């Protein structure tokens, strides 16, 4: 049975549509050892992480969640660990500008871009 932070992390990955592989790859890019995709799957199957590792993963999750909430109602694509890693590095630099590109509501044949300034909380 999965409990505690591990269970919450598993639910969050499902909620944000982030794959176990992407999260494990991101953890590696962030210098968090001991968190391979296989190890994550084992943890989600009941073999829990040790305390310090689970707390580091939870802190990483919290950082990503903060950014996700800042850009709502838009949804961040969390499928590419390298892109998310770059996003986190920019976020840690105090300010992040997200450029959103998509169909213009008035005319779906035209693209529009919108810049969103997302200031990091102090």
N, C-alpha and C. Protein backbone atom coordinates (compact mmCIF):
# COMPACT_ATOMS: atom_id res chain seq x y z
N UNK A 1 0.83 -1.18 0.00
CA UNK A 1 0.00 0.00 0.00
C UNK A 1 0.89 1.26 0.00
N UNK A 2 0.57 2.18 -0.86
CA UNK A 2 1.32 3.42 -0.98
C UNK A 2 0.71 4.45 -0.05
N UNK A 3 1.56 5.06 0.79
CA UNK A 3 1.05 6.04 1.75
C UNK A 3 1.90 7.30 1.73
N UNK A 4 1.45 8.32 2.44
CA UNK A 4 2.22 9.53 2.67
C UNK A 4 2.58 10.29 1.40
N UNK A 5 3.80 10.82 1.42
CA UNK A 5 4.28 11.65 0.32
C UNK A 5 4.28 10.87 -0.98
N UNK A 6 4.66 9.61 -0.94
CA UNK A 6 4.72 8.80 -2.16
C UNK A 6 3.35 8.72 -2.82
N UNK A 7 2.31 8.48 -2.04
CA UNK A 7 0.95 8.40 -2.58
C UNK A 7 0.51 9.75 -3.15
N UNK A 8 0.83 10.83 -2.44
CA UNK A 8 0.46 12.16 -2.91
C UNK A 8 1.21 12.52 -4.19
N UNK A 9 2.47 12.13 -4.27
CA UNK A 9 3.26 12.38 -5.47
C UNK A 9 2.68 11.62 -6.66
N UNK A 10 2.31 10.38 -6.45
CA UNK A 10 1.71 9.57 -7.51
C UNK A 10 0.42 10.23 -8.01
N UNK A 11 -0.42 10.68 -7.09
CA UNK A 11 -1.68 11.34 -7.46
C UNK A 11 -1.41 12.64 -8.21
N UNK A 12 -0.41 13.38 -7.77
CA UNK A 12 -0.09 14.65 -8.42
C UNK A 12 0.39 14.43 -9.86
N UNK A 13 1.24 13.41 -10.05
CA UNK A 13 1.70 13.11 -11.41
C UNK A 13 0.53 12.78 -12.32
N UNK A 14 -0.43 12.04 -11.82
CA UNK A 14 -1.63 11.73 -12.61
C UNK A 14 -2.43 13.00 -12.88
N UNK A 15 -2.62 13.83 -11.87
CA UNK A 15 -3.38 15.07 -11.99
C UNK A 15 -2.77 16.01 -13.02
N UNK A 16 -1.45 16.11 -13.01
CA UNK A 16 -0.75 17.03 -13.92
C UNK A 16 -0.34 16.35 -15.23
N UNK A 17 -0.71 15.10 -15.41
CA UNK A 17 -0.39 14.34 -16.63
C UNK A 17 1.11 14.31 -16.90
N UNK A 18 1.89 14.13 -15.86
CA UNK A 18 3.35 14.02 -15.99
C UNK A 18 3.71 12.55 -15.81
N UNK A 19 4.44 12.02 -16.76
CA UNK A 19 4.79 10.60 -16.70
C UNK A 19 5.84 10.34 -15.62
N UNK A 20 5.87 9.12 -15.17
CA UNK A 20 6.88 8.69 -14.20
C UNK A 20 8.26 8.86 -14.80
N UNK A 21 8.41 8.55 -16.08
CA UNK A 21 9.68 8.68 -16.77
C UNK A 21 10.13 10.14 -16.80
N UNK A 22 9.23 11.06 -17.13
CA UNK A 22 9.58 12.48 -17.19
C UNK A 22 9.99 12.99 -15.80
N UNK A 23 9.27 12.59 -14.76
CA UNK A 23 9.61 13.04 -13.41
C UNK A 23 10.95 12.48 -12.97
N UNK A 24 11.20 11.20 -13.26
CA UNK A 24 12.49 10.59 -12.91
C UNK A 24 13.63 11.28 -13.65
N UNK A 25 13.42 11.57 -14.93
CA UNK A 25 14.45 12.27 -15.72
C UNK A 25 14.70 13.67 -15.17
N UNK A 26 13.63 14.35 -14.78
CA UNK A 26 13.76 15.69 -14.20
C UNK A 26 14.54 15.62 -12.89
N UNK A 27 14.22 14.65 -12.05
CA UNK A 27 14.93 14.49 -10.78
C UNK A 27 16.42 14.30 -11.03
N UNK A 28 16.77 13.51 -12.04
CA UNK A 28 18.18 13.29 -12.38
C UNK A 28 18.82 14.61 -12.82
N UNK A 29 18.14 15.37 -13.69
CA UNK A 29 18.66 16.66 -14.13
C UNK A 29 18.84 17.64 -12.96
N UNK A 30 17.99 17.49 -11.95
CA UNK A 30 18.05 18.35 -10.77
C UNK A 30 19.08 17.86 -9.75
N UNK A 31 19.76 16.77 -10.07
CA UNK A 31 20.79 16.25 -9.18
C UNK A 31 20.27 15.42 -8.03
N UNK A 32 19.06 14.92 -8.17
CA UNK A 32 18.46 14.08 -7.13
C UNK A 32 18.72 12.63 -7.51
N UNK A 33 19.63 11.99 -6.80
CA UNK A 33 19.98 10.60 -7.09
C UNK A 33 19.00 9.62 -6.47
N UNK A 34 19.03 8.39 -6.96
CA UNK A 34 18.20 7.33 -6.40
C UNK A 34 16.75 7.39 -6.80
N UNK A 35 16.46 8.05 -7.92
CA UNK A 35 15.07 8.22 -8.34
C UNK A 35 14.90 7.87 -9.82
N UNK A 36 15.26 6.67 -10.18
CA UNK A 36 15.06 6.23 -11.56
C UNK A 36 13.58 5.94 -11.79
N UNK A 37 13.22 5.76 -13.06
CA UNK A 37 11.82 5.41 -13.35
C UNK A 37 11.46 4.10 -12.66
N UNK A 38 12.38 3.14 -12.68
CA UNK A 38 12.12 1.85 -12.02
C UNK A 38 11.90 2.05 -10.53
N UNK A 39 12.74 2.88 -9.91
CA UNK A 39 12.61 3.11 -8.47
C UNK A 39 11.32 3.83 -8.13
N UNK A 40 10.91 4.78 -8.99
CA UNK A 40 9.62 5.45 -8.77
C UNK A 40 8.48 4.45 -8.84
N UNK A 41 8.51 3.59 -9.85
CA UNK A 41 7.44 2.58 -9.98
C UNK A 41 7.40 1.65 -8.77
N UNK A 42 8.58 1.29 -8.26
CA UNK A 42 8.64 0.46 -7.05
C UNK A 42 8.03 1.19 -5.86
N UNK A 43 8.33 2.48 -5.75
CA UNK A 43 7.78 3.27 -4.64
C UNK A 43 6.26 3.36 -4.76
N UNK A 44 5.78 3.54 -5.98
CA UNK A 44 4.33 3.63 -6.19
C UNK A 44 3.66 2.28 -5.97
N UNK A 45 4.45 1.21 -6.03
CA UNK A 45 3.93 -0.12 -5.78
C UNK A 45 4.00 -0.53 -4.32
N UNK A 46 4.59 0.31 -3.46
CA UNK A 46 4.61 0.02 -2.04
C UNK A 46 5.97 0.03 -1.39
N UNK A 47 7.04 0.08 -2.16
CA UNK A 47 8.40 0.12 -1.58
C UNK A 47 8.83 1.57 -1.46
N UNK A 48 8.51 2.18 -0.36
CA UNK A 48 8.64 3.63 -0.17
C UNK A 48 10.08 4.12 -0.25
N UNK A 49 10.21 5.40 -0.58
CA UNK A 49 11.50 6.08 -0.56
C UNK A 49 11.89 6.33 0.88
N UNK A 50 13.20 6.56 1.09
CA UNK A 50 13.62 6.99 2.42
C UNK A 50 13.19 8.43 2.63
N UNK A 51 13.17 8.90 3.86
CA UNK A 51 12.68 10.23 4.20
C UNK A 51 13.30 11.37 3.43
N UNK A 52 14.65 11.49 3.42
CA UNK A 52 15.28 12.62 2.73
C UNK A 52 14.98 12.65 1.23
N UNK A 53 14.98 11.48 0.59
CA UNK A 53 14.70 11.45 -0.84
C UNK A 53 13.26 11.85 -1.12
N UNK A 54 12.33 11.33 -0.35
CA UNK A 54 10.93 11.68 -0.58
C UNK A 54 10.69 13.17 -0.37
N UNK A 55 11.39 13.77 0.60
CA UNK A 55 11.25 15.21 0.84
C UNK A 55 11.83 16.03 -0.31
N UNK A 56 12.95 15.60 -0.88
CA UNK A 56 13.53 16.32 -2.03
C UNK A 56 12.59 16.24 -3.23
N UNK A 57 12.00 15.07 -3.45
CA UNK A 57 11.06 14.91 -4.57
C UNK A 57 9.81 15.76 -4.33
N UNK A 58 9.36 15.82 -3.09
CA UNK A 58 8.19 16.62 -2.76
C UNK A 58 8.47 18.10 -2.96
N UNK A 59 9.66 18.55 -2.60
CA UNK A 59 10.04 19.95 -2.83
C UNK A 59 10.06 20.26 -4.32
N UNK A 60 10.57 19.33 -5.13
CA UNK A 60 10.58 19.52 -6.58
C UNK A 60 9.16 19.61 -7.10
N UNK A 61 8.31 18.74 -6.63
CA UNK A 61 6.89 18.75 -7.01
C UNK A 61 6.25 20.09 -6.65
N UNK A 62 6.54 20.58 -5.46
CA UNK A 62 5.96 21.85 -5.02
C UNK A 62 6.39 23.02 -5.89
N UNK A 63 7.64 23.00 -6.30
CA UNK A 63 8.14 24.06 -7.16
C UNK A 63 7.41 24.04 -8.52
N UNK A 64 7.25 22.86 -9.08
CA UNK A 64 6.54 22.73 -10.36
C UNK A 64 5.08 23.14 -10.19
N UNK A 65 4.46 22.72 -9.12
CA UNK A 65 3.05 23.04 -8.87
C UNK A 65 2.84 24.54 -8.75
N UNK A 66 3.77 25.23 -8.11
CA UNK A 66 3.66 26.68 -7.99
C UNK A 66 3.63 27.34 -9.36
N UNK A 67 4.51 26.89 -10.25
CA UNK A 67 4.53 27.45 -11.61
C UNK A 67 3.24 27.11 -12.33
N UNK A 68 2.78 25.87 -12.20
CA UNK A 68 1.52 25.46 -12.85
C UNK A 68 0.37 26.36 -12.42
N UNK A 69 0.29 26.65 -11.13
CA UNK A 69 -0.80 27.48 -10.62
C UNK A 69 -0.67 28.92 -11.08
N UNK A 70 0.57 29.41 -11.24
CA UNK A 70 0.79 30.78 -11.69
C UNK A 70 0.30 31.02 -13.11
N UNK A 71 0.34 29.99 -13.94
CA UNK A 71 -0.06 30.18 -15.35
C UNK A 71 -1.48 29.70 -15.63
N UNK A 72 -2.19 29.23 -14.59
CA UNK A 72 -3.59 28.84 -14.80
C UNK A 72 -4.39 30.02 -15.30
N UNK A 73 -5.31 29.85 -16.19
CA UNK A 73 -5.96 28.61 -16.58
C UNK A 73 -5.23 27.84 -17.68
N UNK A 74 -4.05 28.29 -18.08
CA UNK A 74 -3.28 27.55 -19.07
C UNK A 74 -2.69 26.31 -18.43
N UNK A 75 -2.42 25.31 -19.24
CA UNK A 75 -1.87 24.06 -18.73
C UNK A 75 -0.46 23.88 -19.27
N UNK A 76 0.50 23.68 -18.38
CA UNK A 76 1.87 23.43 -18.81
C UNK A 76 2.01 21.99 -19.29
N UNK A 77 2.79 21.82 -20.34
CA UNK A 77 3.11 20.49 -20.83
C UNK A 77 4.31 19.99 -20.04
N UNK A 78 4.10 18.99 -19.21
CA UNK A 78 5.15 18.48 -18.34
C UNK A 78 5.77 17.19 -18.88
N UNK A 79 5.71 16.99 -20.18
CA UNK A 79 6.18 15.74 -20.76
C UNK A 79 7.67 15.71 -21.05
N UNK A 80 8.32 16.85 -21.12
CA UNK A 80 9.74 16.92 -21.47
C UNK A 80 10.55 17.41 -20.28
N UNK A 81 11.31 16.51 -19.67
CA UNK A 81 12.07 16.84 -18.47
C UNK A 81 13.07 17.96 -18.71
N UNK A 82 13.71 17.99 -19.86
CA UNK A 82 14.71 19.02 -20.15
C UNK A 82 14.06 20.40 -20.21
N UNK A 83 12.88 20.48 -20.80
CA UNK A 83 12.15 21.76 -20.88
C UNK A 83 11.73 22.21 -19.49
N UNK A 84 11.23 21.30 -18.69
CA UNK A 84 10.81 21.64 -17.32
C UNK A 84 12.03 22.05 -16.49
N UNK A 85 13.15 21.37 -16.69
CA UNK A 85 14.38 21.74 -16.00
C UNK A 85 14.78 23.18 -16.34
N UNK A 86 14.74 23.52 -17.63
CA UNK A 86 15.05 24.89 -18.05
C UNK A 86 14.06 25.89 -17.45
N UNK A 87 12.80 25.51 -17.43
CA UNK A 87 11.76 26.35 -16.84
C UNK A 87 12.04 26.61 -15.36
N UNK A 88 12.43 25.57 -14.63
CA UNK A 88 12.75 25.71 -13.21
C UNK A 88 13.98 26.61 -13.01
N UNK A 89 14.97 26.46 -13.86
CA UNK A 89 16.16 27.29 -13.76
C UNK A 89 15.81 28.76 -13.99
N UNK A 90 14.94 29.02 -14.96
CA UNK A 90 14.50 30.40 -15.20
C UNK A 90 13.70 30.91 -14.00
N UNK A 91 12.83 30.07 -13.47
CA UNK A 91 12.00 30.43 -12.31
C UNK A 91 12.87 30.80 -11.11
N UNK A 92 13.91 30.04 -10.90
CA UNK A 92 14.81 30.30 -9.77
C UNK A 92 15.62 31.59 -9.97
N UNK A 93 15.63 32.09 -11.19
CA UNK A 93 16.32 33.33 -11.48
C UNK A 93 15.48 34.55 -11.14
N UNK A 94 14.40 34.35 -10.40
CA UNK A 94 13.52 35.40 -9.88
C UNK A 94 12.35 35.77 -10.77
N UNK A 95 12.48 35.66 -12.06
CA UNK A 95 11.37 36.06 -12.92
C UNK A 95 11.33 35.15 -14.13
N UNK A 96 10.16 34.89 -14.59
CA UNK A 96 9.97 34.00 -15.72
C UNK A 96 8.91 34.59 -16.62
N UNK A 97 9.21 34.60 -17.89
CA UNK A 97 8.21 35.03 -18.86
C UNK A 97 7.84 33.82 -19.69
N UNK A 98 6.57 33.48 -19.69
CA UNK A 98 6.06 32.36 -20.45
C UNK A 98 5.40 32.90 -21.70
N UNK A 99 5.77 32.38 -22.85
CA UNK A 99 5.13 32.78 -24.09
C UNK A 99 4.21 31.65 -24.51
N UNK A 100 2.96 31.98 -24.62
CA UNK A 100 1.93 31.01 -24.96
C UNK A 100 1.53 31.23 -26.40
N UNK A 101 1.53 30.17 -27.16
CA UNK A 101 1.15 30.27 -28.56
C UNK A 101 0.03 29.29 -28.83
N UNK A 102 -0.98 29.74 -29.53
CA UNK A 102 -2.10 28.86 -29.83
C UNK A 102 -3.05 29.54 -30.77
N UNK A 103 -4.10 28.83 -31.15
CA UNK A 103 -5.07 29.43 -32.07
C UNK A 103 -5.74 30.65 -31.47
N UNK A 104 -5.92 31.64 -32.28
CA UNK A 104 -6.64 32.85 -31.88
C UNK A 104 -8.11 32.48 -31.73
N UNK A 105 -8.74 32.88 -30.65
CA UNK A 105 -10.14 32.52 -30.40
C UNK A 105 -11.08 33.02 -31.50
N UNK A 106 -10.76 34.20 -32.03
CA UNK A 106 -11.64 34.78 -33.03
C UNK A 106 -11.54 34.07 -34.37
N UNK A 107 -10.36 33.60 -34.69
CA UNK A 107 -10.17 32.95 -35.98
C UNK A 107 -9.15 31.83 -35.79
N UNK A 108 -9.60 30.60 -35.77
CA UNK A 108 -8.75 29.45 -35.48
C UNK A 108 -7.65 29.26 -36.52
N UNK A 109 -7.72 29.93 -37.66
CA UNK A 109 -6.70 29.79 -38.69
C UNK A 109 -5.47 30.63 -38.38
N UNK A 110 -5.56 31.57 -37.48
CA UNK A 110 -4.46 32.46 -37.14
C UNK A 110 -3.92 32.13 -35.75
N UNK A 111 -2.60 32.24 -35.61
CA UNK A 111 -1.96 32.00 -34.32
C UNK A 111 -1.81 33.33 -33.58
N UNK A 112 -1.85 33.26 -32.27
CA UNK A 112 -1.59 34.44 -31.46
C UNK A 112 -0.60 34.05 -30.37
N UNK A 113 0.13 35.02 -29.90
CA UNK A 113 1.06 34.79 -28.80
C UNK A 113 0.74 35.75 -27.68
N UNK A 114 0.92 35.26 -26.46
CA UNK A 114 0.67 36.10 -25.29
C UNK A 114 1.82 35.89 -24.32
N UNK A 115 2.40 36.96 -23.83
CA UNK A 115 3.46 36.86 -22.83
C UNK A 115 2.83 37.01 -21.45
N UNK A 116 3.22 36.12 -20.57
CA UNK A 116 2.71 36.16 -19.20
C UNK A 116 3.93 36.30 -18.29
N UNK A 117 3.99 37.38 -17.53
CA UNK A 117 5.07 37.61 -16.59
C UNK A 117 4.70 36.92 -15.28
N UNK A 118 5.51 35.98 -14.88
CA UNK A 118 5.24 35.22 -13.67
C UNK A 118 6.35 35.51 -12.68
N UNK A 119 6.09 36.37 -11.72
CA UNK A 119 7.10 36.73 -10.73
C UNK A 119 7.14 35.68 -9.63
N UNK A 120 8.34 35.35 -9.23
CA UNK A 120 8.52 34.37 -8.17
C UNK A 120 8.16 34.99 -6.84
N UNK A 121 7.48 34.25 -5.96
CA UNK A 121 7.13 34.80 -4.65
C UNK A 121 8.40 35.05 -3.84
N UNK A 122 8.38 36.11 -3.05
CA UNK A 122 9.58 36.43 -2.24
C UNK A 122 9.57 35.72 -0.92
